[in-house]
Amino acid sequence: MTLYRDEIPSPIGTIVVVSDDEALRALDFDDHAERFHELLRRHYGDVDLEPRRERLGIRKRLEAYFGGDLHAIDDLPTRTNGTKFQTAVWAALRTIPVGTTTSYGELASALGNPAATRAVGLANGANPVGIVVPCHRVIGANGTLTGYGGGLERKAWLLRHERAAFVGSAEPIADAARELTLFA
């Protein structure tokens, strides 16, 4: 299988996008290459990544999102390989509105299986299309930030960018700016 790889600069680091001619297949940060390649292998098996500027408008829409049009990526087409449960979790993630958060338990309940909190967390962590499939909008039941494949600093930045509430979100904007220096 051949997929196309492109790099897109963002305020929180270089984003690597993998697509085919129809949909976004994977999105991650270039400084998390090991995790990124493991997710690709797990979801798609052996793939050849051909460098090519993406042709689906992903770059333009991500730039608009980071520029303040928080809905610019809402309907980007994605195609992922995962289990039936994982794809259900990823579909549910796309229904979390910009500017809001949910917990793993709330997401499990919304999927009709309140006992599946841990499984939801594992599926969330296996999401190959971060930001567009907004796994960053899932936080701990107590309102605190929990794991994020791109790092908690990026998760905090994304939630602040979307004006979402979470424990610690009332920190001054200077803190968000300081976090960005971690990616420079």
C-alpha atoms as a PDB file:
ATOM      1  CA  MET A   1       0.000   0.000   0.000  1.00  0.00           C
ATOM      2  CA  THR A   2       1.321   3.450  -0.909  1.00  0.00           C
ATOM      3  CA  LEU A   3       0.277   6.502   1.068  1.00  0.00           C
ATOM      4  CA  TYR A   4       1.440  10.085   0.751  1.00  0.00           C
ATOM      5  CA  ARG A   5       3.359  11.967   3.443  1.00  0.00           C
ATOM      6  CA  ASP A   6       3.468  15.729   3.855  1.00  0.00           C
ATOM      7  CA  GLU A   7       4.717  18.036   6.607  1.00  0.00           C
ATOM      8  CA  ILE A   8       2.759  21.086   7.687  1.00  0.00           C
ATOM      9  CA  PRO A   9       4.127  23.746  10.061  1.00  0.00           C
ATOM     10  CA  SER A  10       1.889  24.692  12.981  1.00  0.00           C
ATOM     11  CA  PRO A  11       2.168  26.798  16.144  1.00  0.00           C
ATOM     12  CA  ILE A  12       2.709  23.600  18.148  1.00  0.00           C
ATOM     13  CA  GLY A  13       5.254  21.894  15.926  1.00  0.00           C
ATOM     14  CA  THR A  14       5.530  20.320  12.527  1.00  0.00           C
ATOM     15  CA  ILE A  15       2.562  18.111  11.733  1.00  0.00           C
ATOM     16  CA  VAL A  16       3.001  15.033   9.567  1.00  0.00           C
ATOM     17  CA  VAL A  17      -0.044  14.098   7.514  1.00  0.00           C
ATOM     18  CA  VAL A  18      -0.520  10.842   5.669  1.00  0.00           C
ATOM     19  CA  SER A  19      -3.242  10.586   3.073  1.00  0.00           C
ATOM     20  CA  ASP A  20      -4.358   8.743  -0.006  1.00  0.00           C
ATOM     21  CA  ASP A  21      -6.207  10.333  -2.909  1.00  0.00           C
ATOM     22  CA  GLU A  22      -9.486  10.419  -0.968  1.00  0.00           C
ATOM     23  CA  ALA A  23      -8.920  10.922   2.746  1.00  0.00           C
ATOM     24  CA  LEU A  24      -6.608  11.744   5.626  1.00  0.00           C
ATOM     25  CA  ARG A  25      -5.179   8.499   7.021  1.00  0.00           C
ATOM     26  CA  ALA A  26      -2.909   9.690   9.825  1.00  0.00           C
ATOM     27  CA  LEU A  27      -1.794  12.889  11.532  1.00  0.00           C
ATOM     28  CA  ASP A  28       0.878  13.267  14.185  1.00  0.00           C
ATOM     29  CA  PHE A  29       3.834  15.439  15.152  1.00  0.00           C
ATOM     30  CA  ASP A  30       7.249  14.949  13.564  1.00  0.00           C
ATOM     31  CA  ASP A  31       8.941  14.745  16.962  1.00  0.00           C
ATOM     32  CA  HIS A  32       6.846  11.648  17.788  1.00  0.00           C
ATOM     33  CA  ALA A  33       8.050   9.627  14.783  1.00  0.00           C
ATOM     34  CA  GLU A  34       8.406   6.325  16.636  1.00  0.00           C
ATOM     35  CA  ARG A  35       4.807   6.429  17.919  1.00  0.00           C
ATOM     36  CA  PHE A  36       3.613   7.624  14.518  1.00  0.00           C
ATOM     37  CA  HIS A  37       5.240   4.762  12.617  1.00  0.00           C
ATOM     38  CA  GLU A  38       3.966   2.227  15.147  1.00  0.00           C
ATOM     39  CA  LEU A  39       0.383   3.484  14.673  1.00  0.00           C
ATOM     40  CA  LEU A  40       0.797   3.341  10.896  1.00  0.00           C
ATOM     41  CA  ARG A  41       2.103  -0.226  11.093  1.00  0.00           C
ATOM     42  CA  ARG A  42      -0.668  -1.269  13.469  1.00  0.00           C
ATOM     43  CA  HIS A  43      -3.440   0.255  11.354  1.00  0.00           C
ATOM     44  CA  TYR A  44      -2.168  -0.267   7.817  1.00  0.00           C
ATOM     45  CA  GLY A  45       0.550  -2.917   7.937  1.00  0.00           C
ATOM     46  CA  ASP A  46       3.530  -2.373   5.664  1.00  0.00           C
ATOM     47  CA  VAL A  47       3.117   0.907   3.823  1.00  0.00           C
ATOM     48  CA  ASP A  48       5.302   2.904   1.520  1.00  0.00           C
ATOM     49  CA  LEU A  49       5.212   6.599   2.404  1.00  0.00           C
ATOM     50  CA  GLU A  50       5.782   8.663  -0.697  1.00  0.00           C
ATOM     51  CA  PRO A  51       6.665  12.312  -0.065  1.00  0.00           C
ATOM     52  CA  ARG A  52       4.029  14.441  -1.785  1.00  0.00           C
ATOM     53  CA  ARG A  53       2.292  17.667  -0.957  1.00  0.00           C
ATOM     54  CA  GLU A  54      -1.192  16.591   0.025  1.00  0.00           C
ATOM     55  CA  ARG A  55      -3.927  17.371  -2.490  1.00  0.00           C
ATOM     56  CA  LEU A  56      -7.046  17.252  -0.344  1.00  0.00           C
ATOM     57  CA  GLY A  57      -6.865  20.741   1.161  1.00  0.00           C
ATOM     58  CA  ILE A  58      -5.707  19.430   4.539  1.00  0.00           C
ATOM     59  CA  ARG A  59      -2.880  21.972   4.754  1.00  0.00           C
ATOM     60  CA  LYS A  60      -5.185  24.911   4.037  1.00  0.00           C
ATOM     61  CA  ARG A  61      -7.779  23.705   6.519  1.00  0.00           C
ATOM     62  CA  LEU A  62      -5.248  23.081   9.288  1.00  0.00           C
ATOM     63  CA  GLU A  63      -3.807  26.551   8.699  1.00  0.00           C
ATOM     64  CA  ALA A  64      -7.329  27.984   8.989  1.00  0.00           C
ATOM     65  CA  TYR A  65      -7.930  26.003  12.206  1.00  0.00           C
ATOM     66  CA  PHE A  66      -4.709  27.273  13.774  1.00  0.00           C
ATOM     67  CA  GLY A  67      -5.568  30.763  12.502  1.00  0.00           C
ATOM     68  CA  GLY A  68      -8.804  30.770  14.495  1.00  0.00           C
ATOM     69  CA  ASP A  69     -11.421  29.107  12.254  1.00  0.00           C
ATOM     70  CA  LEU A  70     -11.999  26.315  14.739  1.00  0.00           C
ATOM     71  CA  HIS A  71     -14.503  24.530  12.498  1.00  0.00           C
ATOM     72  CA  ALA A  72     -12.264  24.427   9.414  1.00  0.00           C
ATOM     73  CA  ILE A  73     -11.326  20.772  10.035  1.00  0.00           C
ATOM     74  CA  ASP A  74     -14.726  19.496  11.176  1.00  0.00           C
ATOM     75  CA  ASP A  75     -15.621  17.710   7.968  1.00  0.00           C
ATOM     76  CA  LEU A  76     -12.212  16.697   6.661  1.00  0.00           C
ATOM     77  CA  PRO A  77     -12.587  13.193   5.234  1.00  0.00           C
ATOM     78  CA  THR A  78     -10.715  10.551   7.203  1.00  0.00           C
ATOM     79  CA  ARG A  79     -10.256   6.862   6.608  1.00  0.00           C
ATOM     80  CA  THR A  80      -8.766   4.742   9.349  1.00  0.00           C
ATOM     81  CA  ASN A  81      -8.334   1.060   9.978  1.00  0.00           C
ATOM     82  CA  GLY A  82      -9.265  -0.111  13.429  1.00  0.00           C
ATOM     83  CA  THR A  83     -11.503  -2.502  15.259  1.00  0.00           C
ATOM     84  CA  LYS A  84     -15.252  -1.946  15.258  1.00  0.00           C
ATOM     85  CA  PHE A  85     -14.984  -0.562  18.795  1.00  0.00           C
ATOM     86  CA  GLN A  86     -12.102   1.777  17.930  1.00  0.00           C
ATOM     87  CA  THR A  87     -13.905   3.191  14.923  1.00  0.00           C
ATOM     88  CA  ALA A  88     -17.003   3.758  17.071  1.00  0.00           C
ATOM     89  CA  VAL A  89     -14.897   5.670  19.617  1.00  0.00           C
ATOM     90  CA  TRP A  90     -13.228   7.720  16.865  1.00  0.00           C
ATOM     91  CA  ALA A  91     -16.621   8.552  15.344  1.00  0.00           C
ATOM     92  CA  ALA A  92     -17.858   9.623  18.797  1.00  0.00           C
ATOM     93  CA  LEU A  93     -14.798  11.858  19.233  1.00  0.00           C
ATOM     94  CA  ARG A  94     -15.791  13.799  16.129  1.00  0.00           C
ATOM     95  CA  THR A  95     -19.132  14.645  17.774  1.00  0.00           C
ATOM     96  CA  ILE A  96     -17.513  16.468  20.726  1.00  0.00           C
ATOM     97  CA  PRO A  97     -18.128  20.139  19.949  1.00  0.00           C
ATOM     98  CA  VAL A  98     -15.266  22.614  19.698  1.00  0.00           C
ATOM     99  CA  GLY A  99     -14.773  24.364  23.029  1.00  0.00           C
ATOM    100  CA  THR A 100     -16.021  21.460  25.116  1.00  0.00           C
ATOM    101  CA  THR A 101     -14.477  18.444  26.757  1.00  0.00           C
ATOM    102  CA  THR A 102     -15.723  15.091  27.934  1.00  0.00           C
ATOM    103  CA  SER A 103     -14.317  12.340  30.120  1.00  0.00           C
ATOM    104  CA  TYR A 104     -13.490   8.773  29.190  1.00  0.00           C
ATOM    105  CA  GLY A 105     -16.399   7.599  31.353  1.00  0.00           C
ATOM    106  CA  GLU A 106     -18.840   9.998  29.714  1.00  0.00           C
ATOM    107  CA  LEU A 107     -17.680   8.849  26.295  1.00  0.00           C
ATOM    108  CA  ALA A 108     -18.090   5.187  27.293  1.00  0.00           C
ATOM    109  CA  SER A 109     -21.617   5.936  28.524  1.00  0.00           C
ATOM    110  CA  ALA A 110     -22.450   7.771  25.301  1.00  0.00           C
ATOM    111  CA  LEU A 111     -21.371   4.637  23.424  1.00  0.00           C
ATOM    112  CA  GLY A 112     -23.800   2.588  25.522  1.00  0.00           C
ATOM    113  CA  ASN A 113     -21.150   0.811  27.586  1.00  0.00           C
ATOM    114  CA  PRO A 114     -20.377   2.718  30.803  1.00  0.00           C
ATOM    115  CA  ALA A 115     -18.052  -0.060  31.986  1.00  0.00           C
ATOM    116  CA  ALA A 116     -15.770   0.441  28.962  1.00  0.00           C
ATOM    117  CA  THR A 117     -13.927   3.487  30.305  1.00  0.00           C
ATOM    118  CA  ARG A 118     -10.523   1.851  30.057  1.00  0.00           C
ATOM    119  CA  ALA A 119     -11.231   0.483  26.561  1.00  0.00           C
ATOM    120  CA  VAL A 120     -12.314   3.962  25.460  1.00  0.00           C
ATOM    121  CA  GLY A 121      -9.020   5.307  26.785  1.00  0.00           C
ATOM    122  CA  LEU A 122      -7.058   2.703  24.839  1.00  0.00           C
ATOM    123  CA  ALA A 123      -9.001   3.428  21.637  1.00  0.00           C
ATOM    124  CA  ASN A 124      -8.499   7.146  22.203  1.00  0.00           C
ATOM    125  CA  GLY A 125      -4.748   6.571  22.517  1.00  0.00           C
ATOM    126  CA  ALA A 126      -4.713   4.530  19.287  1.00  0.00           C
ATOM    127  CA  ASN A 127      -6.369   7.326  17.286  1.00  0.00           C
ATOM    128  CA  PRO A 128      -4.202   7.773  14.176  1.00  0.00           C
ATOM    129  CA  VAL A 129      -5.726  11.130  13.192  1.00  0.00           C
ATOM    130  CA  GLY A 130      -5.122  13.479  16.110  1.00  0.00           C
ATOM    131  CA  ILE A 131      -6.547  17.016  16.117  1.00  0.00           C
ATOM    132  CA  VAL A 132      -9.021  16.227  13.282  1.00  0.00           C
ATOM    133  CA  VAL A 133     -10.416  13.320  15.301  1.00  0.00           C
ATOM    134  CA  PRO A 134     -10.222  15.398  18.494  1.00  0.00           C
ATOM    135  CA  CYS A 135      -8.934  12.993  21.125  1.00  0.00           C
ATOM    136  CA  HIS A 136      -7.455  16.052  22.866  1.00  0.00           C
ATOM    137  CA  ARG A 137     -11.008  16.941  23.994  1.00  0.00           C
ATOM    138  CA  VAL A 138     -11.117  13.927  26.332  1.00  0.00           C
ATOM    139  CA  ILE A 139      -9.908  14.712  29.841  1.00  0.00           C
ATOM    140  CA  GLY A 140      -9.988  13.064  33.251  1.00  0.00           C
ATOM    141  CA  ALA A 141     -13.247  12.787  35.176  1.00  0.00           C
ATOM    142  CA  ASN A 142     -11.908  15.364  37.644  1.00  0.00           C
ATOM    143  CA  GLY A 143     -11.318  17.884  34.835  1.00  0.00           C
ATOM    144  CA  THR A 144      -7.549  17.444  34.643  1.00  0.00           C
ATOM    145  CA  LEU A 145      -5.492  16.706  31.582  1.00  0.00           C
ATOM    146  CA  THR A 146      -4.649  13.082  30.959  1.00  0.00           C
ATOM    147  CA  GLY A 147      -2.428  11.458  28.364  1.00  0.00           C
ATOM    148  CA  TYR A 148      -2.036  12.749  24.827  1.00  0.00           C
ATOM    149  CA  GLY A 149       0.186  11.200  22.156  1.00  0.00           C
ATOM    150  CA  GLY A 150       1.543  14.616  21.196  1.00  0.00           C
ATOM    151  CA  GLY A 151       2.309  15.540  24.814  1.00  0.00           C
ATOM    152  CA  LEU A 152       0.280  17.277  27.505  1.00  0.00           C
ATOM    153  CA  GLU A 153       1.685  20.696  26.577  1.00  0.00           C
ATOM    154  CA  ARG A 154       0.165  20.373  23.117  1.00  0.00           C
ATOM    155  CA  LYS A 155      -3.106  19.084  24.532  1.00  0.00           C
ATOM    156  CA  ALA A 156      -3.303  22.108  26.837  1.00  0.00           C
ATOM    157  CA  TRP A 157      -2.501  24.433  23.937  1.00  0.00           C
ATOM    158  CA  LEU A 158      -5.196  22.880  21.718  1.00  0.00           C
ATOM    159  CA  LEU A 159      -7.825  23.125  24.458  1.00  0.00           C
ATOM    160  CA  ARG A 160      -6.912  26.737  25.180  1.00  0.00           C
ATOM    161  CA  HIS A 161      -6.999  27.488  21.454  1.00  0.00           C
ATOM    162  CA  GLU A 162     -10.521  26.048  21.370  1.00  0.00           C
ATOM    163  CA  ARG A 163     -11.404  27.884  24.606  1.00  0.00           C
ATOM    164  CA  ALA A 164     -12.326  24.674  26.407  1.00  0.00           C
ATOM    165  CA  ALA A 165     -12.481  24.467  30.184  1.00  0.00           C
ATOM    166  CA  PHE A 166     -10.247  22.096  32.125  1.00  0.00           C
ATOM    167  CA  VAL A 167      -8.477  22.182  35.458  1.00  0.00           C
ATOM    168  CA  GLY A 168      -5.563  24.543  35.010  1.00  0.00           C
ATOM    169  CA  SER A 169      -7.115  26.350  32.032  1.00  0.00           C
ATOM    170  CA  ALA A 170      -7.406  29.600  33.968  1.00  0.00           C
ATOM    171  CA  GLU A 171      -3.629  30.017  33.893  1.00  0.00           C
ATOM    172  CA  PRO A 172      -2.542  33.232  32.210  1.00  0.00           C
ATOM    173  CA  ILE A 173      -2.123  33.290  28.448  1.00  0.00           C
ATOM    174  CA  ALA A 174       1.585  33.840  29.096  1.00  0.00           C
ATOM    175  CA  ASP A 175       1.723  30.215  30.264  1.00  0.00           C
ATOM    176  CA  ALA A 176       0.400  29.065  26.896  1.00  0.00           C
ATOM    177  CA  ALA A 177       2.998  31.210  25.145  1.00  0.00           C
ATOM    178  CA  ARG A 178       5.718  29.726  27.376  1.00  0.00           C
ATOM    179  CA  GLU A 179       4.541  26.232  26.408  1.00  0.00           C
ATOM    180  CA  LEU A 180       4.943  27.098  22.750  1.00  0.00           C
ATOM    181  CA  THR A 181       8.637  27.746  23.256  1.00  0.00           C
ATOM    182  CA  LEU A 182       8.941  24.029  23.936  1.00  0.00           C
ATOM    183  CA  PHE A 183       8.230  23.428  20.245  1.00  0.00           C
ATOM    184  CA  ALA A 184      10.464  26.111  18.744  1.00  0.00           C
END
